[in-house]
Amino acid sequence: MTTFERYFIADKATHNENPNPYYQLRHNEKFVRKLLGAFGLDPDTSHVVNGHTPVKRELRLSWQIRRWWSLMVAFHDHIRR
């Protein structure tokens, strides 16, 4: 649930979301390669971009998140515009 929605709903029990399996599987290289292949994309040259995904720095980042993070850092100024 987004922060905006939480502002209007006082019951904290409604603030919990049950993520679907994709959010765990997206860290699995074999799964991501299969996913990209299902869309006819080359897994060696393609990327999955998940939009806004909060990342805690103290957690070890998966290979895919590291690739995504490096893209976001490289293009930060262009994306913010």
Protein backbone atom coordinates (compact mmCIF):
# COMPACT_ATOMS: atom_id res chain seq x y z
CA MET A 1 0.00 0.00 0.00
CA THR A 2 1.35 3.41 -0.88
CA THR A 3 2.11 6.06 1.69
CA PHE A 4 -0.69 8.21 0.29
CA GLU A 5 -3.27 5.49 0.97
CA ARG A 6 -1.89 4.84 4.46
CA TYR A 7 -2.52 8.45 5.34
CA PHE A 8 -6.27 7.95 4.96
CA ILE A 9 -6.61 4.48 6.52
CA ALA A 10 -5.96 4.30 10.25
CA ASP A 11 -6.13 0.50 10.58
CA LYS A 12 -2.48 -0.62 10.40
CA ALA A 13 -3.54 -4.19 9.55
CA THR A 14 -4.55 -2.96 6.11
CA HIS A 15 -1.06 -1.57 5.47
CA ASN A 16 0.48 -5.02 4.94
CA GLU A 17 0.77 -6.34 1.43
CA ASN A 18 1.29 -9.95 0.46
CA PRO A 19 3.69 -9.78 -2.49
CA ASN A 20 3.16 -12.29 -5.26
CA PRO A 21 5.92 -14.85 -6.06
CA TYR A 22 7.47 -12.61 -8.72
CA TYR A 23 9.06 -10.44 -6.05
CA GLN A 24 11.09 -13.39 -4.78
CA LEU A 25 11.70 -14.97 -8.18
CA ARG A 26 13.05 -11.77 -9.72
CA HIS A 27 16.28 -12.38 -7.79
CA ASN A 28 16.72 -15.78 -9.48
CA GLU A 29 18.82 -15.49 -12.64
CA LYS A 30 17.33 -18.63 -14.20
CA PHE A 31 13.79 -17.26 -13.74
CA VAL A 32 14.67 -13.84 -15.17
CA ARG A 33 16.33 -15.41 -18.22
CA LYS A 34 13.22 -17.52 -18.79
CA LEU A 35 10.98 -14.46 -18.35
CA LEU A 36 12.97 -12.42 -20.87
CA GLY A 37 12.99 -15.35 -23.29
CA ALA A 38 9.20 -15.63 -23.02
CA PHE A 39 9.01 -12.11 -24.45
CA GLY A 40 11.45 -12.95 -27.25
CA LEU A 41 14.28 -10.95 -25.67
CA ASP A 42 17.93 -11.93 -25.43
CA PRO A 43 18.69 -12.45 -21.71
CA ASP A 44 22.33 -11.42 -22.21
CA THR A 45 21.46 -7.96 -23.54
CA SER A 46 18.05 -7.26 -21.94
CA HIS A 47 17.03 -5.88 -18.57
CA VAL A 48 13.90 -6.06 -16.46
CA VAL A 49 13.03 -2.65 -15.05
CA ASN A 50 10.69 -2.86 -12.08
CA GLY A 51 10.04 0.81 -11.52
CA HIS A 52 10.34 2.04 -7.96
CA THR A 53 11.69 -0.80 -5.83
CA PRO A 54 12.99 0.28 -2.42
CA VAL A 55 16.40 -1.23 -1.71
CA LYS A 56 17.90 -1.32 1.76
CA ARG A 57 21.62 -0.70 1.42
CA GLU A 58 22.54 -3.14 4.17
CA LEU A 59 21.06 -6.03 2.20
CA ARG A 60 23.20 -7.86 -0.31
CA LEU A 61 21.95 -6.96 -3.76
CA SER A 62 21.17 -9.61 -6.35
CA TRP A 63 22.84 -9.55 -9.78
CA GLN A 64 19.71 -8.11 -11.38
CA ILE A 65 19.27 -5.35 -8.81
CA ARG A 66 22.96 -4.43 -9.21
CA ARG A 67 22.46 -4.11 -12.98
CA TRP A 68 19.31 -2.06 -12.48
CA TRP A 69 20.96 0.09 -9.81
CA SER A 70 23.93 0.87 -12.05
CA LEU A 71 21.55 1.97 -14.81
CA MET A 72 19.63 4.21 -12.41
CA VAL A 73 22.85 5.80 -11.14
CA ALA A 74 24.17 6.31 -14.68
CA PHE A 75 20.97 7.95 -15.93
CA HIS A 76 19.83 9.64 -12.71
CA ASP A 77 19.90 13.19 -14.07
CA HIS A 78 17.98 12.25 -17.22
CA ILE A 79 15.32 10.28 -15.35
CA ARG A 80 14.57 13.04 -12.82
CA ARG A 81 13.67 15.51 -15.57
